């Protein structure tokens, strides 16, 4: 009986201390919003445009470089996950 109680306590402590990613942690607090996937695309585009203007990623207009679009897709995917769309 004591071993079972000790095991359950250790299991509870481990589960409590388990790291969760930011998206998982924050999405629990976002109950209601009027955002759609297209909104996430617009937000991602605005973020990427800012990153290009700050020189954080290269401007890929008129090139075969897809980095700008890949970054935009990553941001969009994370926003969709966060807002559970």
C-alpha atoms as a PDB file:
ATOM      1  CA  UNK A   1       0.000   0.000   0.000  1.00  0.00           C
ATOM      2  CA  UNK A   2       2.792   2.407   0.882  1.00  0.00           C
ATOM      3  CA  UNK A   3       4.610   1.613  -2.361  1.00  0.00           C
ATOM      4  CA  UNK A   4       1.482   2.343  -4.400  1.00  0.00           C
ATOM      5  CA  UNK A   5       0.957   5.677  -2.647  1.00  0.00           C
ATOM      6  CA  UNK A   6       4.614   6.599  -3.157  1.00  0.00           C
ATOM      7  CA  UNK A   7       4.418   5.627  -6.846  1.00  0.00           C
ATOM      8  CA  UNK A   8       1.270   7.716  -7.338  1.00  0.00           C
ATOM      9  CA  UNK A   9       2.890  10.705  -5.637  1.00  0.00           C
ATOM     10  CA  UNK A  10       5.999  10.464  -7.820  1.00  0.00           C
ATOM     11  CA  UNK A  11       3.840  10.113 -10.932  1.00  0.00           C
ATOM     12  CA  UNK A  12       1.827  13.196  -9.963  1.00  0.00           C
ATOM     13  CA  UNK A  13       4.977  15.219  -9.335  1.00  0.00           C
ATOM     14  CA  UNK A  14       6.430  14.228 -12.711  1.00  0.00           C
ATOM     15  CA  UNK A  15       3.218  15.102 -14.531  1.00  0.00           C
ATOM     16  CA  UNK A  16       3.023  18.459 -12.772  1.00  0.00           C
ATOM     17  CA  UNK A  17       6.607  19.325 -13.604  1.00  0.00           C
ATOM     18  CA  UNK A  18       6.371  18.171 -17.219  1.00  0.00           C
ATOM     19  CA  UNK A  19       7.231  20.971 -19.612  1.00  0.00           C
ATOM     20  CA  UNK A  20       4.545  21.889 -22.116  1.00  0.00           C
ATOM     21  CA  UNK A  21       5.121  23.931 -25.186  1.00  0.00           C
ATOM     22  CA  UNK A  22       3.868  27.499 -25.251  1.00  0.00           C
ATOM     23  CA  UNK A  23       1.137  26.821 -27.793  1.00  0.00           C
ATOM     24  CA  UNK A  24      -0.355  24.015 -25.729  1.00  0.00           C
ATOM     25  CA  UNK A  25      -0.170  26.082 -22.563  1.00  0.00           C
ATOM     26  CA  UNK A  26      -1.693  29.254 -24.036  1.00  0.00           C
ATOM     27  CA  UNK A  27      -4.378  27.647 -26.179  1.00  0.00           C
ATOM     28  CA  UNK A  28      -6.130  26.515 -23.003  1.00  0.00           C
ATOM     29  CA  UNK A  29      -6.760  30.184 -22.148  1.00  0.00           C
ATOM     30  CA  UNK A  30      -8.128  31.233 -25.532  1.00  0.00           C
ATOM     31  CA  UNK A  31     -11.817  30.493 -25.220  1.00  0.00           C
ATOM     32  CA  UNK A  32     -13.513  32.658 -27.807  1.00  0.00           C
ATOM     33  CA  UNK A  33     -12.314  34.613 -30.766  1.00  0.00           C
ATOM     34  CA  UNK A  34     -13.568  35.667 -34.163  1.00  0.00           C
ATOM     35  CA  UNK A  35     -10.451  34.702 -36.075  1.00  0.00           C
ATOM     36  CA  UNK A  36     -10.276  32.468 -39.132  1.00  0.00           C
ATOM     37  CA  UNK A  37      -7.498  30.697 -41.040  1.00  0.00           C
ATOM     38  CA  UNK A  38      -7.359  33.567 -43.546  1.00  0.00           C
ATOM     39  CA  UNK A  39      -6.706  35.930 -40.630  1.00  0.00           C
ATOM     40  CA  UNK A  40      -3.778  33.735 -39.583  1.00  0.00           C
ATOM     41  CA  UNK A  41      -2.370  33.992 -43.108  1.00  0.00           C
ATOM     42  CA  UNK A  42      -2.649  37.784 -42.990  1.00  0.00           C
ATOM     43  CA  UNK A  43      -0.936  37.921 -39.601  1.00  0.00           C
ATOM     44  CA  UNK A  44       1.831  35.569 -40.754  1.00  0.00           C
ATOM     45  CA  UNK A  45       2.382  37.686 -43.871  1.00  0.00           C
ATOM     46  CA  UNK A  46       2.638  40.862 -41.782  1.00  0.00           C
ATOM     47  CA  UNK A  47       5.178  39.190 -39.469  1.00  0.00           C
ATOM     48  CA  UNK A  48       7.270  37.931 -42.383  1.00  0.00           C
ATOM     49  CA  UNK A  49       7.167  41.346 -44.083  1.00  0.00           C
ATOM     50  CA  UNK A  50       8.468  42.887 -40.872  1.00  0.00           C
ATOM     51  CA  UNK A  51      11.209  40.248 -40.610  1.00  0.00           C
ATOM     52  CA  UNK A  52      12.254  41.017 -44.205  1.00  0.00           C
ATOM     53  CA  UNK A  53      12.312  44.770 -43.540  1.00  0.00           C
ATOM     54  CA  UNK A  54      14.415  44.174 -40.399  1.00  0.00           C
ATOM     55  CA  UNK A  55      16.832  42.030 -42.423  1.00  0.00           C
ATOM     56  CA  UNK A  56      16.148  38.882 -40.408  1.00  0.00           C
ATOM     57  CA  UNK A  57      15.255  36.861 -43.486  1.00  0.00           C
ATOM     58  CA  UNK A  58      16.084  37.577 -47.141  1.00  0.00           C
ATOM     59  CA  UNK A  59      13.612  39.217 -49.500  1.00  0.00           C
ATOM     60  CA  UNK A  60      12.666  36.402 -51.875  1.00  0.00           C
ATOM     61  CA  UNK A  61      10.696  38.422 -54.433  1.00  0.00           C
ATOM     62  CA  UNK A  62      11.691  37.497 -57.993  1.00  0.00           C
ATOM     63  CA  UNK A  63      13.929  34.629 -56.822  1.00  0.00           C
ATOM     64  CA  UNK A  64      13.626  30.866 -56.514  1.00  0.00           C
ATOM     65  CA  UNK A  65      14.370  31.089 -52.789  1.00  0.00           C
ATOM     66  CA  UNK A  66      11.410  29.764 -50.808  1.00  0.00           C
ATOM     67  CA  UNK A  67      12.675  30.767 -47.341  1.00  0.00           C
ATOM     68  CA  UNK A  68      10.275  33.681 -46.973  1.00  0.00           C
ATOM     69  CA  UNK A  69       7.296  31.455 -47.780  1.00  0.00           C
ATOM     70  CA  UNK A  70       8.515  28.642 -45.536  1.00  0.00           C
ATOM     71  CA  UNK A  71       8.770  31.037 -42.596  1.00  0.00           C
ATOM     72  CA  UNK A  72       5.293  32.363 -43.335  1.00  0.00           C
ATOM     73  CA  UNK A  73       3.899  28.808 -43.420  1.00  0.00           C
ATOM     74  CA  UNK A  74       5.522  27.941 -40.085  1.00  0.00           C
ATOM     75  CA  UNK A  75       4.104  31.042 -38.417  1.00  0.00           C
ATOM     76  CA  UNK A  76       0.650  30.373 -39.894  1.00  0.00           C
ATOM     77  CA  UNK A  77       0.675  26.735 -38.724  1.00  0.00           C
ATOM     78  CA  UNK A  78       1.634  27.727 -35.178  1.00  0.00           C
ATOM     79  CA  UNK A  79      -1.080  30.398 -35.044  1.00  0.00           C
ATOM     80  CA  UNK A  80      -3.686  27.921 -36.284  1.00  0.00           C
ATOM     81  CA  UNK A  81      -2.585  25.484 -33.597  1.00  0.00           C
ATOM     82  CA  UNK A  82      -2.690  28.174 -30.923  1.00  0.00           C
ATOM     83  CA  UNK A  83      -6.175  29.375 -31.830  1.00  0.00           C
ATOM     84  CA  UNK A  84      -7.402  25.811 -32.501  1.00  0.00           C
ATOM     85  CA  UNK A  85      -8.682  26.601 -35.990  1.00  0.00           C
END
